[in-house]
């Protein structure tokens, strides 16, 4: 009888040692679920003087996160996210403001965007004639 009790205790301790970590992992799995149902929208925008991204040295870079809320180092994150939502994330659809007058001095500025917009990969590059033209487009998406 004593031998049976020893075997039962040993078997119980072995089962607890082997299955215990599995039980903890099973309990922890629901906590690892996504915190929201929004598709991610997180971008890195850079700007620099030059005719294309390969030749330009990035002078400034900001982050822009639009889902679930607007945030990041972009100085006008909420406005930039609202503009991008208005175009469905299409950077080419951003139009210059009609009330801004820029000089014709050619001092090329390139803007790049890398990241994810509503779950889709984004890779965008555009060269503007100068910083005034860049800042007028999109009402602030590229003004950073």
N, C-alpha and C. Protein backbone atom coordinates (compact mmCIF):
# COMPACT_ATOMS: atom_id res chain seq x y z
N UNK A 1 0.81 -1.18 0.00
CA UNK A 1 0.00 0.00 0.00
C UNK A 1 0.86 1.25 0.00
N UNK A 2 1.93 1.23 0.80
CA UNK A 2 2.81 2.37 0.86
C UNK A 2 3.47 2.61 -0.48
N UNK A 3 3.79 1.53 -1.17
CA UNK A 3 4.42 1.64 -2.48
C UNK A 3 3.47 2.31 -3.48
N UNK A 4 2.19 1.98 -3.42
CA UNK A 4 1.21 2.56 -4.32
C UNK A 4 1.06 4.05 -4.05
N UNK A 5 1.07 4.44 -2.80
CA UNK A 5 0.96 5.86 -2.44
C UNK A 5 2.17 6.62 -2.95
N UNK A 6 3.36 6.05 -2.87
CA UNK A 6 4.57 6.69 -3.39
C UNK A 6 4.48 6.88 -4.90
N UNK A 7 4.03 5.84 -5.59
CA UNK A 7 3.89 5.94 -7.04
C UNK A 7 2.85 7.00 -7.44
N UNK A 8 1.77 7.05 -6.73
CA UNK A 8 0.73 8.03 -7.02
C UNK A 8 1.25 9.44 -6.78
N UNK A 9 1.98 9.64 -5.69
CA UNK A 9 2.54 10.97 -5.39
C UNK A 9 3.57 11.36 -6.45
N UNK A 10 4.43 10.43 -6.81
CA UNK A 10 5.46 10.70 -7.82
C UNK A 10 4.81 11.01 -9.18
N UNK A 11 3.79 10.24 -9.52
CA UNK A 11 3.10 10.47 -10.78
C UNK A 11 2.39 11.82 -10.78
N UNK A 12 1.79 12.17 -9.66
CA UNK A 12 1.10 13.46 -9.55
C UNK A 12 2.09 14.62 -9.65
N UNK A 13 3.23 14.53 -9.00
CA UNK A 13 4.25 15.57 -9.07
C UNK A 13 4.84 15.67 -10.47
N UNK A 14 5.06 14.55 -11.12
CA UNK A 14 5.58 14.56 -12.48
C UNK A 14 4.57 15.19 -13.44
N UNK A 15 3.31 14.83 -13.30
CA UNK A 15 2.28 15.41 -14.16
C UNK A 15 2.19 16.92 -13.94
N UNK A 16 2.29 17.37 -12.68
CA UNK A 16 2.23 18.81 -12.40
C UNK A 16 3.44 19.52 -12.98
N UNK A 17 4.62 18.88 -12.91
CA UNK A 17 5.84 19.51 -13.43
C UNK A 17 5.81 19.58 -14.96
N UNK A 18 5.28 18.55 -15.60
CA UNK A 18 5.25 18.52 -17.06
C UNK A 18 4.09 19.35 -17.61
N UNK A 19 2.92 19.22 -17.05
CA UNK A 19 1.73 19.89 -17.58
C UNK A 19 1.52 21.30 -17.02
N UNK A 20 2.17 21.62 -15.91
CA UNK A 20 2.01 22.94 -15.31
C UNK A 20 2.37 24.08 -16.26
N UNK A 21 3.56 24.04 -16.89
CA UNK A 21 3.89 25.11 -17.85
C UNK A 21 2.92 25.17 -19.03
N UNK A 22 2.40 24.04 -19.44
CA UNK A 22 1.45 24.04 -20.56
C UNK A 22 0.16 24.73 -20.16
N UNK A 23 -0.27 24.52 -18.92
CA UNK A 23 -1.48 25.16 -18.44
C UNK A 23 -1.28 26.67 -18.39
N UNK A 24 -0.14 27.13 -17.93
CA UNK A 24 0.14 28.56 -17.88
C UNK A 24 0.18 29.17 -19.27
N UNK A 25 0.74 28.46 -20.25
CA UNK A 25 0.80 28.97 -21.61
C UNK A 25 -0.60 29.04 -22.21
N UNK A 26 -1.44 28.06 -21.88
CA UNK A 26 -2.79 28.08 -22.42
C UNK A 26 -3.58 29.25 -21.84
N UNK A 27 -3.35 29.55 -20.58
CA UNK A 27 -4.05 30.67 -19.96
C UNK A 27 -3.52 31.99 -20.52
N UNK A 28 -2.22 32.06 -20.82
CA UNK A 28 -1.62 33.31 -21.31
C UNK A 28 -1.97 33.59 -22.77
N UNK A 29 -2.34 32.59 -23.54
CA UNK A 29 -2.59 32.79 -24.96
C UNK A 29 -3.71 33.79 -25.25
N UNK A 30 -4.86 33.76 -24.55
CA UNK A 30 -5.88 34.77 -24.86
C UNK A 30 -5.41 36.19 -24.60
N UNK A 31 -4.53 36.41 -23.65
CA UNK A 31 -4.00 37.75 -23.38
C UNK A 31 -3.13 38.26 -24.52
N UNK A 32 -2.63 37.35 -25.37
CA UNK A 32 -1.76 37.74 -26.47
C UNK A 32 -2.56 38.15 -27.70
N UNK A 33 -3.88 38.16 -27.58
CA UNK A 33 -4.72 38.55 -28.71
C UNK A 33 -4.51 40.01 -29.04
N UNK A 34 -4.76 40.43 -30.27
CA UNK A 34 -4.59 41.82 -30.64
C UNK A 34 -5.42 42.73 -29.74
N UNK A 35 -4.86 43.91 -29.45
CA UNK A 35 -5.54 44.83 -28.55
C UNK A 35 -6.63 45.61 -29.27
N UNK A 36 -6.67 45.58 -30.60
CA UNK A 36 -7.71 46.28 -31.33
C UNK A 36 -8.01 45.54 -32.62
N UNK A 37 -9.09 45.94 -33.24
CA UNK A 37 -9.48 45.33 -34.50
C UNK A 37 -9.12 46.20 -35.69
N UNK A 38 -8.31 47.24 -35.47
CA UNK A 38 -7.91 48.15 -36.53
C UNK A 38 -6.71 47.58 -37.28
N UNK A 39 -6.70 47.76 -38.59
CA UNK A 39 -5.51 47.41 -39.37
C UNK A 39 -4.44 48.45 -39.05
N UNK A 40 -3.20 48.05 -38.92
CA UNK A 40 -2.17 49.01 -38.54
C UNK A 40 -1.92 50.06 -39.62
N UNK A 41 -1.64 51.27 -39.15
CA UNK A 41 -1.24 52.37 -40.03
C UNK A 41 -0.10 53.09 -39.34
N UNK A 42 1.11 52.71 -39.68
CA UNK A 42 2.30 53.30 -39.08
C UNK A 42 3.30 53.62 -40.18
N UNK A 43 3.72 54.87 -40.25
CA UNK A 43 4.58 55.33 -41.34
C UNK A 43 5.79 56.06 -40.81
N UNK A 44 6.87 56.03 -41.59
CA UNK A 44 8.05 56.86 -41.35
C UNK A 44 8.20 57.75 -42.57
N UNK A 45 8.16 59.06 -42.34
CA UNK A 45 8.29 60.05 -43.41
C UNK A 45 9.65 60.72 -43.28
N UNK A 46 10.39 60.84 -44.38
CA UNK A 46 11.68 61.53 -44.36
C UNK A 46 11.68 62.60 -45.44
N UNK A 47 12.52 63.60 -45.23
CA UNK A 47 12.69 64.65 -46.23
C UNK A 47 14.15 65.05 -46.28
N UNK A 48 14.58 65.49 -47.45
CA UNK A 48 15.95 65.95 -47.64
C UNK A 48 16.09 66.64 -48.97
N UNK A 49 17.13 67.44 -49.11
CA UNK A 49 17.37 68.15 -50.37
C UNK A 49 18.07 67.22 -51.36
N UNK A 50 17.56 67.20 -52.57
CA UNK A 50 18.13 66.36 -53.62
C UNK A 50 17.05 66.02 -54.63
N UNK A 51 17.48 65.48 -55.75
CA UNK A 51 16.53 65.18 -56.82
C UNK A 51 15.86 63.82 -56.66
N UNK A 52 16.45 62.93 -55.87
CA UNK A 52 15.81 61.65 -55.58
C UNK A 52 16.34 61.12 -54.25
N UNK A 53 15.68 60.10 -53.74
CA UNK A 53 16.03 59.57 -52.43
C UNK A 53 17.43 58.98 -52.39
N UNK A 54 17.88 58.44 -53.51
CA UNK A 54 19.22 57.83 -53.55
C UNK A 54 20.32 58.88 -53.41
N UNK A 55 20.06 60.09 -53.89
CA UNK A 55 21.08 61.14 -53.86
C UNK A 55 20.91 62.09 -52.67
N UNK A 56 19.75 62.12 -52.05
CA UNK A 56 19.48 63.06 -50.97
C UNK A 56 19.89 62.48 -49.62
N UNK A 57 20.40 63.34 -48.78
CA UNK A 57 20.69 62.96 -47.40
C UNK A 57 19.47 63.33 -46.57
N UNK A 58 18.88 62.37 -45.87
CA UNK A 58 17.71 62.71 -45.06
C UNK A 58 18.06 63.78 -44.03
N UNK A 59 17.27 64.87 -44.03
CA UNK A 59 17.50 65.95 -43.08
C UNK A 59 16.56 65.87 -41.89
N UNK A 60 15.44 65.25 -42.09
CA UNK A 60 14.46 65.13 -41.01
C UNK A 60 13.62 63.89 -41.26
N UNK A 61 13.25 63.23 -40.18
CA UNK A 61 12.37 62.06 -40.25
C UNK A 61 11.37 62.13 -39.10
N UNK A 62 10.14 61.73 -39.39
CA UNK A 62 9.11 61.69 -38.36
C UNK A 62 8.34 60.39 -38.49
N UNK A 63 7.68 60.01 -37.41
CA UNK A 63 6.80 58.85 -37.43
C UNK A 63 5.36 59.32 -37.38
N UNK A 64 4.50 58.56 -38.00
CA UNK A 64 3.07 58.89 -38.03
C UNK A 64 2.28 57.60 -37.89
N UNK A 65 1.54 57.48 -36.81
CA UNK A 65 0.68 56.34 -36.57
C UNK A 65 -0.76 56.83 -36.59
N UNK A 66 -1.59 56.20 -37.40
CA UNK A 66 -2.97 56.69 -37.56
C UNK A 66 -4.03 55.73 -37.03
N UNK A 67 -3.69 54.54 -36.65
CA UNK A 67 -4.69 53.61 -36.13
C UNK A 67 -4.15 52.93 -34.89
N UNK A 68 -4.87 52.90 -33.84
CA UNK A 68 -6.26 53.32 -33.69
C UNK A 68 -6.43 54.83 -33.47
N UNK A 69 -5.38 55.52 -33.02
CA UNK A 69 -5.46 56.97 -32.87
C UNK A 69 -4.24 57.60 -33.50
N UNK A 70 -4.34 58.89 -33.79
CA UNK A 70 -3.21 59.61 -34.39
C UNK A 70 -2.15 59.87 -33.33
N UNK A 71 -0.90 59.53 -33.68
CA UNK A 71 0.21 59.77 -32.76
C UNK A 71 1.50 59.73 -33.56
N UNK A 72 2.60 59.88 -32.88
CA UNK A 72 3.92 59.85 -33.51
C UNK A 72 4.63 61.17 -33.30
N UNK A 73 5.78 61.32 -33.96
CA UNK A 73 6.57 62.53 -33.82
C UNK A 73 6.21 63.59 -34.85
N UNK A 74 5.27 63.29 -35.73
CA UNK A 74 4.81 64.29 -36.71
C UNK A 74 4.19 65.46 -35.95
N UNK A 75 4.54 66.72 -36.30
CA UNK A 75 4.03 67.86 -35.53
C UNK A 75 2.52 68.06 -35.61
N UNK A 76 1.87 67.56 -36.65
CA UNK A 76 0.42 67.67 -36.78
C UNK A 76 -0.15 66.30 -37.13
N UNK A 77 0.04 65.35 -36.24
CA UNK A 77 -0.33 63.96 -36.52
C UNK A 77 -1.82 63.81 -36.81
N UNK A 78 -2.67 64.43 -36.02
CA UNK A 78 -4.12 64.28 -36.22
C UNK A 78 -4.56 64.83 -37.58
N UNK A 79 -4.06 66.00 -37.95
CA UNK A 79 -4.42 66.59 -39.24
C UNK A 79 -3.88 65.76 -40.40
N UNK A 80 -2.65 65.27 -40.27
CA UNK A 80 -2.05 64.46 -41.33
C UNK A 80 -2.82 63.15 -41.51
N UNK A 81 -3.21 62.52 -40.41
CA UNK A 81 -3.99 61.28 -40.51
C UNK A 81 -5.36 61.53 -41.14
N UNK A 82 -5.98 62.65 -40.79
CA UNK A 82 -7.28 62.98 -41.37
C UNK A 82 -7.16 63.19 -42.87
N UNK A 83 -6.10 63.85 -43.31
CA UNK A 83 -5.91 64.07 -44.75
C UNK A 83 -5.67 62.75 -45.47
N UNK A 84 -4.87 61.88 -44.87
CA UNK A 84 -4.60 60.59 -45.51
C UNK A 84 -5.85 59.72 -45.55
N UNK A 85 -6.66 59.77 -44.50
CA UNK A 85 -7.92 59.02 -44.54
C UNK A 85 -8.82 59.54 -45.66
N UNK A 86 -8.79 60.86 -45.88
CA UNK A 86 -9.59 61.46 -46.94
C UNK A 86 -9.20 61.00 -48.34
N UNK A 87 -7.94 60.63 -48.51
CA UNK A 87 -7.48 60.14 -49.82
C UNK A 87 -7.37 58.62 -49.85
N UNK A 88 -7.76 57.96 -48.78
CA UNK A 88 -7.64 56.51 -48.73
C UNK A 88 -6.19 56.06 -48.66
N UNK A 89 -5.32 56.93 -48.15
CA UNK A 89 -3.90 56.60 -48.04
C UNK A 89 -3.12 56.79 -49.33
N UNK A 90 -3.73 57.39 -50.33
CA UNK A 90 -3.08 57.63 -51.62
C UNK A 90 -2.31 58.95 -51.55
N UNK A 91 -1.01 58.89 -51.46
CA UNK A 91 -0.19 60.10 -51.34
C UNK A 91 -0.20 60.92 -52.62
N UNK A 92 -0.39 60.28 -53.76
CA UNK A 92 -0.46 61.02 -55.02
C UNK A 92 -1.74 61.87 -55.12
N UNK A 93 -2.75 61.50 -54.35
CA UNK A 93 -4.02 62.24 -54.39
C UNK A 93 -3.97 63.51 -53.53
N UNK A 94 -2.91 63.69 -52.75
CA UNK A 94 -2.77 64.92 -51.96
C UNK A 94 -2.52 66.08 -52.90
N UNK A 95 -3.35 67.09 -52.80
CA UNK A 95 -3.28 68.24 -53.71
C UNK A 95 -2.68 69.46 -52.99
N UNK A 96 -2.01 70.34 -53.75
CA UNK A 96 -1.49 71.57 -53.14
C UNK A 96 -2.62 72.52 -52.75
N UNK A 97 -2.38 73.27 -51.70
CA UNK A 97 -3.35 74.27 -51.26
C UNK A 97 -3.47 75.35 -52.33
N UNK A 98 -4.67 75.83 -52.57
CA UNK A 98 -4.90 76.82 -53.62
C UNK A 98 -4.49 78.23 -53.24
N UNK A 99 -4.34 78.49 -51.95
CA UNK A 99 -4.04 79.85 -51.51
C UNK A 99 -2.56 80.07 -51.17
N UNK A 100 -1.70 79.16 -51.55
CA UNK A 100 -0.27 79.29 -51.27
C UNK A 100 0.46 79.66 -52.56
N UNK A 101 1.28 80.69 -52.48
CA UNK A 101 2.08 81.12 -53.62
C UNK A 101 3.53 80.83 -53.33
N UNK A 102 4.17 80.03 -54.17
CA UNK A 102 5.58 79.67 -53.99
C UNK A 102 6.39 80.26 -55.14
N UNK A 103 7.65 80.58 -54.83
CA UNK A 103 8.52 81.08 -55.90
C UNK A 103 8.93 79.93 -56.81
N UNK A 104 9.54 80.25 -57.90
CA UNK A 104 9.93 79.25 -58.90
C UNK A 104 11.38 78.80 -58.74
N UNK A 105 12.03 79.17 -57.65
CA UNK A 105 13.41 78.77 -57.41
C UNK A 105 13.47 77.24 -57.31
N UNK A 106 14.31 76.63 -58.14
CA UNK A 106 14.42 75.18 -58.13
C UNK A 106 15.49 74.76 -57.13
N UNK A 107 15.03 74.19 -56.04
CA UNK A 107 15.89 73.66 -54.98
C UNK A 107 15.23 72.35 -54.55
N UNK A 108 15.44 71.27 -55.32
CA UNK A 108 14.64 70.06 -55.14
C UNK A 108 14.69 69.48 -53.72
N UNK A 109 13.51 69.05 -53.29
CA UNK A 109 13.33 68.42 -51.99
C UNK A 109 12.61 67.10 -52.23
N UNK A 110 13.13 66.04 -51.67
CA UNK A 110 12.52 64.73 -51.85
C UNK A 110 11.91 64.27 -50.52
N UNK A 111 10.74 63.65 -50.63
CA UNK A 111 10.03 63.09 -49.48
C UNK A 111 9.87 61.60 -49.72
N UNK A 112 10.13 60.81 -48.70
CA UNK A 112 9.89 59.37 -48.79
C UNK A 112 8.95 58.96 -47.66
N UNK A 113 8.17 57.94 -47.94
CA UNK A 113 7.26 57.37 -46.94
C UNK A 113 7.43 55.86 -46.99
N UNK A 114 7.70 55.26 -45.85
CA UNK A 114 7.83 53.81 -45.74
C UNK A 114 6.97 53.36 -44.57
N UNK A 115 6.32 52.23 -44.71
CA UNK A 115 5.55 51.69 -43.60
C UNK A 115 4.33 50.92 -44.05
N UNK A 116 3.27 51.05 -43.25
CA UNK A 116 2.04 50.30 -43.48
C UNK A 116 0.87 51.26 -43.36
N UNK A 117 -0.04 51.23 -44.32
CA UNK A 117 -1.27 52.02 -44.25
C UNK A 117 -2.45 51.06 -44.32
N UNK A 118 -3.22 50.98 -43.24
CA UNK A 118 -4.36 50.09 -43.11
C UNK A 118 -4.02 48.67 -43.52
N UNK A 119 -2.89 48.21 -43.03
CA UNK A 119 -2.45 46.84 -43.24
C UNK A 119 -1.73 46.57 -44.55
N UNK A 120 -1.59 47.58 -45.41
CA UNK A 120 -0.91 47.38 -46.70
C UNK A 120 0.42 48.11 -46.70
N UNK A 121 1.42 47.47 -47.26
CA UNK A 121 2.78 48.03 -47.33
C UNK A 121 2.78 49.28 -48.19
N UNK A 122 3.49 50.33 -47.72
CA UNK A 122 3.60 51.59 -48.44
C UNK A 122 5.07 51.91 -48.68
N UNK A 123 5.39 52.27 -49.90
CA UNK A 123 6.71 52.76 -50.27
C UNK A 123 6.49 53.87 -51.29
N UNK A 124 6.76 55.11 -50.88
CA UNK A 124 6.42 56.27 -51.69
C UNK A 124 7.60 57.24 -51.72
N UNK A 125 7.82 57.83 -52.88
CA UNK A 125 8.87 58.84 -53.05
C UNK A 125 8.35 59.91 -53.99
N UNK A 126 8.59 61.18 -53.62
CA UNK A 126 8.17 62.28 -54.48
C UNK A 126 9.16 63.43 -54.34
N UNK A 127 9.50 64.05 -55.47
CA UNK A 127 10.41 65.19 -55.48
C UNK A 127 9.61 66.45 -55.77
N UNK A 128 9.80 67.47 -54.93
CA UNK A 128 9.15 68.77 -55.08
C UNK A 128 10.18 69.79 -55.53
N UNK A 129 9.71 70.86 -56.17
CA UNK A 129 10.61 71.89 -56.67
C UNK A 129 11.35 72.63 -55.58
N UNK A 130 10.72 72.83 -54.41
CA UNK A 130 11.36 73.47 -53.26
C UNK A 130 10.53 73.18 -52.01
N UNK A 131 10.99 73.67 -50.87
CA UNK A 131 10.29 73.36 -49.62
C UNK A 131 8.91 74.00 -49.55
N UNK A 132 8.73 75.15 -50.17
CA UNK A 132 7.42 75.80 -50.17
C UNK A 132 6.39 74.92 -50.88
N UNK A 133 6.76 74.37 -52.01
CA UNK A 133 5.85 73.50 -52.75
C UNK A 133 5.56 72.24 -51.94
N UNK A 134 6.59 71.67 -51.33
CA UNK A 134 6.40 70.47 -50.49
C UNK A 134 5.43 70.75 -49.35
N UNK A 135 5.62 71.87 -48.66
CA UNK A 135 4.79 72.18 -47.50
C UNK A 135 3.35 72.51 -47.88
N UNK A 136 3.13 72.94 -49.12
CA UNK A 136 1.76 73.30 -49.54
C UNK A 136 0.93 72.08 -49.91
N UNK A 137 1.57 70.98 -50.22
CA UNK A 137 0.85 69.78 -50.65
C UNK A 137 0.31 69.04 -49.43
N UNK A 138 -0.95 68.69 -49.50
CA UNK A 138 -1.55 67.88 -48.45
C UNK A 138 -1.88 68.64 -47.20
N UNK A 139 -1.71 69.93 -47.20
CA UNK A 139 -2.09 70.72 -46.04
C UNK A 139 -1.32 70.40 -44.77
N UNK A 140 -0.26 69.67 -44.86
CA UNK A 140 0.53 69.42 -43.66
C UNK A 140 1.08 68.02 -43.53
N UNK A 141 0.70 67.10 -44.40
CA UNK A 141 1.24 65.74 -44.32
C UNK A 141 2.76 65.77 -44.47
N UNK A 142 3.25 66.59 -45.41
CA UNK A 142 4.68 66.66 -45.66
C UNK A 142 5.35 67.85 -44.97
N UNK A 143 4.59 68.64 -44.24
CA UNK A 143 5.15 69.80 -43.54
C UNK A 143 5.62 69.38 -42.15
N UNK A 144 6.84 68.95 -42.08
CA UNK A 144 7.42 68.55 -40.79
C UNK A 144 8.87 68.94 -40.71
